[in-house]
Amino acid sequence: MQDGKLVADVSGQIFQLAPLSETHFRAVGGPVKVGVNFQRPDPHKPAVMSIDVEDQQPVTLEAIEIVTPTSTQLAEYVGDYYSDELQATYKIISEGGKLMLKRKNAPMLPLSPTLKDQFAAGPANVSFIRNALNRVSGFTVNAGRVTNIRFVRNGH
C-alpha cells in the first residue's frame, strides 16, 4: 500500500494496481497490459498471485514471509568477500542495524532481507552460502542476465 493505493514494485518501477474485483487487479500506467489475480486455493497454504503480462505465459508466485534478522544474525554476514571472476573484493558492513554492500568506487547498496540468507540489493539478489559448520562462507549475486557470480569470504 502506498498513499492508500495498492501498488506493485517491479525492479524499482512502481505501478498502481486498479481493482477489477476483490481479487483481480490491473496495472495502471505500465508499458504493457498486466493483470494480477490473488487467490488462496488452500487455507492451510500461503496465498498465490498470478501475473498475466500481455502476450506471455502467466506466472504464479506464492506468498512468502519476509525475514527480519536480529542485529546478532546480521553480524554473521559482515566481512570481506572476493570474486575470482570479477577480480574484486566486496565488503559487507553493518550500519545503523542494516547491512550495506560496499564496492570500490561505487555507492554503498543497502541489503534488504527477503528470505533466510537472502537479500535484495537494488536490482540484484544476494544469496549467502554457509559451510558445514553453518558459518557464512560466501555469497552469490544474481542480477538479470548476470547470474551466480560467486564471492568467497576472506579467511574461508
C-alpha atoms as a PDB file:
ATOM      1  CA  MET A   1       0.000   0.000   0.000  1.00  0.00           C
ATOM      2  CA  GLN A   2       1.252   3.448  -0.900  1.00  0.00           C
ATOM      3  CA  ASP A   3      -0.834   6.534  -0.222  1.00  0.00           C
ATOM      4  CA  GLY A   4      -3.848   4.287   0.334  1.00  0.00           C
ATOM      5  CA  LYS A   5      -3.450   2.545  -3.024  1.00  0.00           C
ATOM      6  CA  LEU A   6      -2.256  -0.965  -3.851  1.00  0.00           C
ATOM      7  CA  VAL A   7       0.984  -0.805  -5.826  1.00  0.00           C
ATOM      8  CA  ALA A   8       3.499  -3.231  -7.291  1.00  0.00           C
ATOM      9  CA  ASP A   9       7.244  -2.616  -7.221  1.00  0.00           C
ATOM     10  CA  VAL A  10       8.850  -4.354 -10.189  1.00  0.00           C
ATOM     11  CA  SER A  11      12.618  -3.861 -10.106  1.00  0.00           C
ATOM     12  CA  GLY A  12      12.208  -0.313  -8.832  1.00  0.00           C
ATOM     13  CA  GLN A  13       9.326   0.634 -11.131  1.00  0.00           C
ATOM     14  CA  ILE A  14       6.162   1.374  -9.145  1.00  0.00           C
ATOM     15  CA  PHE A  15       2.770   0.634 -10.714  1.00  0.00           C
ATOM     16  CA  GLN A  16      -0.625   1.264  -9.187  1.00  0.00           C
ATOM     17  CA  LEU A  17      -2.919  -1.777  -9.223  1.00  0.00           C
ATOM     18  CA  ALA A  18      -6.513  -0.783 -10.005  1.00  0.00           C
ATOM     19  CA  PRO A  19      -9.197  -3.188  -8.701  1.00  0.00           C
ATOM     20  CA  LEU A  20     -11.397  -5.042 -11.182  1.00  0.00           C
ATOM     21  CA  SER A  21     -12.882  -7.244  -8.425  1.00  0.00           C
ATOM     22  CA  GLU A  22     -11.973  -8.226  -4.846  1.00  0.00           C
ATOM     23  CA  THR A  23      -9.134 -10.423  -6.111  1.00  0.00           C
ATOM     24  CA  HIS A  24      -8.355  -9.221  -9.655  1.00  0.00           C
ATOM     25  CA  PHE A  25      -6.384  -6.059 -10.471  1.00  0.00           C
ATOM     26  CA  ARG A  26      -4.763  -4.432 -13.478  1.00  0.00           C
ATOM     27  CA  ALA A  27      -1.608  -2.338 -13.576  1.00  0.00           C
ATOM     28  CA  VAL A  28      -2.113   1.336 -14.384  1.00  0.00           C
ATOM     29  CA  GLY A  29       0.452   3.342 -16.330  1.00  0.00           C
ATOM     30  CA  GLY A  30       2.683   0.454 -17.366  1.00  0.00           C
ATOM     31  CA  PRO A  31       4.173  -0.016 -20.842  1.00  0.00           C
ATOM     32  CA  VAL A  32       2.201  -3.286 -21.326  1.00  0.00           C
ATOM     33  CA  LYS A  33      -1.080  -4.742 -20.095  1.00  0.00           C
ATOM     34  CA  VAL A  34      -0.619  -6.536 -16.777  1.00  0.00           C
ATOM     35  CA  GLY A  35      -3.289  -8.363 -14.808  1.00  0.00           C
ATOM     36  CA  VAL A  36      -2.825  -9.540 -11.235  1.00  0.00           C
ATOM     37  CA  ASN A  37      -5.066 -12.088  -9.525  1.00  0.00           C
ATOM     38  CA  PHE A  38      -4.809 -13.059  -5.847  1.00  0.00           C
ATOM     39  CA  GLN A  39      -6.068 -16.456  -4.646  1.00  0.00           C
ATOM     40  CA  ARG A  40      -5.901 -18.720  -1.629  1.00  0.00           C
ATOM     41  CA  PRO A  41      -6.848 -22.145  -3.048  1.00  0.00           C
ATOM     42  CA  ASP A  42      -5.923 -23.919   0.203  1.00  0.00           C
ATOM     43  CA  PRO A  43      -6.495 -22.159   3.562  1.00  0.00           C
ATOM     44  CA  HIS A  44      -3.525 -24.091   5.024  1.00  0.00           C
ATOM     45  CA  LYS A  45      -1.070 -22.821   2.398  1.00  0.00           C
ATOM     46  CA  PRO A  46       0.190 -19.329   1.515  1.00  0.00           C
ATOM     47  CA  ALA A  47      -1.800 -17.158  -0.863  1.00  0.00           C
ATOM     48  CA  VAL A  48      -0.788 -17.105  -4.525  1.00  0.00           C
ATOM     49  CA  MET A  49      -0.574 -14.268  -7.011  1.00  0.00           C
ATOM     50  CA  SER A  50      -0.936 -14.887 -10.737  1.00  0.00           C
ATOM     51  CA  ILE A  51       0.565 -12.296 -13.060  1.00  0.00           C
ATOM     52  CA  ASP A  52      -0.638 -12.148 -16.638  1.00  0.00           C
ATOM     53  CA  VAL A  53       1.607  -9.974 -18.805  1.00  0.00           C
ATOM     54  CA  GLU A  54       0.493  -9.164 -22.331  1.00  0.00           C
ATOM     55  CA  ASP A  55       1.496 -11.898 -24.835  1.00  0.00           C
ATOM     56  CA  GLN A  56       3.318 -14.009 -22.213  1.00  0.00           C
ATOM     57  CA  GLN A  57       2.517 -17.129 -20.243  1.00  0.00           C
ATOM     58  CA  PRO A  58       1.019 -16.278 -16.832  1.00  0.00           C
ATOM     59  CA  VAL A  59       3.347 -16.609 -13.855  1.00  0.00           C
ATOM     60  CA  THR A  60       2.165 -17.762 -10.432  1.00  0.00           C
ATOM     61  CA  LEU A  61       4.007 -16.713  -7.294  1.00  0.00           C
ATOM     62  CA  GLU A  62       3.495 -17.955  -3.749  1.00  0.00           C
ATOM     63  CA  ALA A  63       3.426 -15.531  -0.809  1.00  0.00           C
ATOM     64  CA  ILE A  64       6.449 -15.642   1.466  1.00  0.00           C
ATOM     65  CA  GLU A  65       7.106 -14.282   4.911  1.00  0.00           C
ATOM     66  CA  ILE A  66       9.901 -11.733   4.796  1.00  0.00           C
ATOM     67  CA  VAL A  67      12.507 -12.445   7.455  1.00  0.00           C
ATOM     68  CA  THR A  68      13.642  -9.801   9.926  1.00  0.00           C
ATOM     69  CA  PRO A  69      17.122 -10.791  11.131  1.00  0.00           C
ATOM     70  CA  THR A  70      18.303  -9.553  14.512  1.00  0.00           C
ATOM     71  CA  SER A  71      21.476  -7.459  14.785  1.00  0.00           C
ATOM     72  CA  THR A  72      23.271 -10.602  16.039  1.00  0.00           C
ATOM     73  CA  GLN A  73      22.132 -12.523  12.953  1.00  0.00           C
ATOM     74  CA  LEU A  74      23.154  -9.654  10.646  1.00  0.00           C
ATOM     75  CA  ALA A  75      26.640  -9.678  12.197  1.00  0.00           C
ATOM     76  CA  GLU A  76      27.150 -13.193  10.769  1.00  0.00           C
ATOM     77  CA  TYR A  77      27.330 -11.708   7.250  1.00  0.00           C
ATOM     78  CA  VAL A  78      29.802  -8.871   7.952  1.00  0.00           C
ATOM     79  CA  GLY A  79      33.169  -9.343   6.266  1.00  0.00           C
ATOM     80  CA  ASP A  80      35.220  -9.092   3.087  1.00  0.00           C
ATOM     81  CA  TYR A  81      34.348 -11.310   0.112  1.00  0.00           C
ATOM     82  CA  TYR A  82      36.390 -11.887  -3.032  1.00  0.00           C
ATOM     83  CA  SER A  83      35.297 -12.892  -6.547  1.00  0.00           C
ATOM     84  CA  ASP A  84      37.875 -14.544  -8.824  1.00  0.00           C
ATOM     85  CA  GLU A  85      35.593 -13.911 -11.794  1.00  0.00           C
ATOM     86  CA  LEU A  86      35.365 -10.144 -11.171  1.00  0.00           C
ATOM     87  CA  GLN A  87      38.811  -9.832  -9.546  1.00  0.00           C
ATOM     88  CA  ALA A  88      37.078  -7.699  -6.923  1.00  0.00           C
ATOM     89  CA  THR A  89      36.539  -7.557  -3.190  1.00  0.00           C
ATOM     90  CA  TYR A  90      33.136  -6.527  -1.822  1.00  0.00           C
ATOM     91  CA  LYS A  91      32.663  -5.616   1.816  1.00  0.00           C
ATOM     92  CA  ILE A  92      29.536  -6.335   3.793  1.00  0.00           C
ATOM     93  CA  ILE A  93      29.250  -3.888   6.666  1.00  0.00           C
ATOM     94  CA  SER A  94      26.644  -3.232   9.330  1.00  0.00           C
ATOM     95  CA  GLU A  95      25.492   0.350   9.600  1.00  0.00           C
ATOM     96  CA  GLY A  96      22.578   1.520  11.715  1.00  0.00           C
ATOM     97  CA  GLY A  97      21.214  -2.003  12.165  1.00  0.00           C
ATOM     98  CA  LYS A  98      21.256  -2.690   8.415  1.00  0.00           C
ATOM     99  CA  LEU A  99      23.660  -4.452   6.095  1.00  0.00           C
ATOM    100  CA  MET A 100      25.371  -2.499   3.352  1.00  0.00           C
ATOM    101  CA  LEU A 101      27.319  -3.747   0.335  1.00  0.00           C
ATOM    102  CA  LYS A 102      30.446  -1.664  -0.238  1.00  0.00           C
ATOM    103  CA  ARG A 103      32.239  -1.800  -3.598  1.00  0.00           C
ATOM    104  CA  LYS A 104      35.315   0.100  -4.733  1.00  0.00           C
ATOM    105  CA  ASN A 105      34.449   3.412  -6.411  1.00  0.00           C
ATOM    106  CA  ALA A 106      30.684   2.818  -6.162  1.00  0.00           C
ATOM    107  CA  PRO A 107      27.967   3.992  -3.797  1.00  0.00           C
ATOM    108  CA  MET A 108      27.073   1.619  -0.982  1.00  0.00           C
ATOM    109  CA  LEU A 109      23.993  -0.521  -1.568  1.00  0.00           C
ATOM    110  CA  PRO A 110      21.624  -1.396   1.265  1.00  0.00           C
ATOM    111  CA  LEU A 111      20.890  -5.114   1.597  1.00  0.00           C
ATOM    112  CA  SER A 112      17.195  -5.702   2.329  1.00  0.00           C
ATOM    113  CA  PRO A 113      16.384  -9.093   3.864  1.00  0.00           C
ATOM    114  CA  THR A 114      13.978 -11.305   1.951  1.00  0.00           C
ATOM    115  CA  LEU A 115      14.340 -14.987   2.851  1.00  0.00           C
ATOM    116  CA  LYS A 116      16.802 -16.676   5.207  1.00  0.00           C
ATOM    117  CA  ASP A 117      20.332 -15.873   3.991  1.00  0.00           C
ATOM    118  CA  GLN A 118      18.942 -13.882   1.036  1.00  0.00           C
ATOM    119  CA  PHE A 119      18.895 -10.136   0.462  1.00  0.00           C
ATOM    120  CA  ALA A 120      17.886  -7.702  -2.259  1.00  0.00           C
ATOM    121  CA  ALA A 121      20.490  -5.114  -3.263  1.00  0.00           C
ATOM    122  CA  GLY A 122      18.778  -2.806  -5.728  1.00  0.00           C
ATOM    123  CA  PRO A 123      18.075  -4.913  -8.817  1.00  0.00           C
ATOM    124  CA  ALA A 124      20.391  -7.712  -7.611  1.00  0.00           C
ATOM    125  CA  ASN A 125      19.762 -10.661  -5.314  1.00  0.00           C
ATOM    126  CA  VAL A 126      22.467 -11.726  -2.876  1.00  0.00           C
ATOM    127  CA  SER A 127      22.310 -15.301  -1.541  1.00  0.00           C
ATOM    128  CA  PHE A 128      24.710 -16.175   1.255  1.00  0.00           C
ATOM    129  CA  ILE A 129      26.312 -19.616   1.407  1.00  0.00           C
ATOM    130  CA  ARG A 130      27.024 -21.490   4.627  1.00  0.00           C
ATOM    131  CA  ASN A 131      29.691 -24.150   5.196  1.00  0.00           C
ATOM    132  CA  ALA A 132      29.340 -27.494   7.001  1.00  0.00           C
ATOM    133  CA  LEU A 133      29.693 -25.669  10.340  1.00  0.00           C
ATOM    134  CA  ASN A 134      26.754 -23.398   9.388  1.00  0.00           C
ATOM    135  CA  ARG A 135      29.037 -20.364   9.113  1.00  0.00           C
ATOM    136  CA  VAL A 136      28.692 -17.838   6.289  1.00  0.00           C
ATOM    137  CA  SER A 137      31.456 -18.666   3.815  1.00  0.00           C
ATOM    138  CA  GLY A 138      30.449 -16.668   0.743  1.00  0.00           C
ATOM    139  CA  PHE A 139      27.614 -15.429  -1.398  1.00  0.00           C
ATOM    140  CA  THR A 140      26.355 -15.415  -4.966  1.00  0.00           C
ATOM    141  CA  VAL A 141      24.933 -12.454  -6.863  1.00  0.00           C
ATOM    142  CA  ASN A 142      22.190 -12.638  -9.473  1.00  0.00           C
ATOM    143  CA  ALA A 143      21.148  -9.542 -11.394  1.00  0.00           C
ATOM    144  CA  GLY A 144      19.210 -10.090 -14.604  1.00  0.00           C
ATOM    145  CA  ARG A 145      21.476 -11.706 -17.183  1.00  0.00           C
ATOM    146  CA  VAL A 146      24.355 -11.825 -14.707  1.00  0.00           C
ATOM    147  CA  THR A 147      23.911 -14.957 -12.613  1.00  0.00           C
ATOM    148  CA  ASN A 148      25.790 -16.906  -9.981  1.00  0.00           C
ATOM    149  CA  ILE A 149      28.718 -14.539  -9.545  1.00  0.00           C
ATOM    150  CA  ARG A 150      30.434 -16.195  -6.589  1.00  0.00           C
ATOM    151  CA  PHE A 151      32.207 -14.388  -3.778  1.00  0.00           C
ATOM    152  CA  VAL A 152      34.218 -16.259  -1.141  1.00  0.00           C
ATOM    153  CA  ARG A 153      34.607 -14.852   2.336  1.00  0.00           C
ATOM    154  CA  ASN A 154      38.218 -13.943   3.148  1.00  0.00           C
ATOM    155  CA  GLY A 155      39.637 -16.497   5.564  1.00  0.00           C
ATOM    156  CA  HIS A 156      37.314 -19.314   4.392  1.00  0.00           C
END
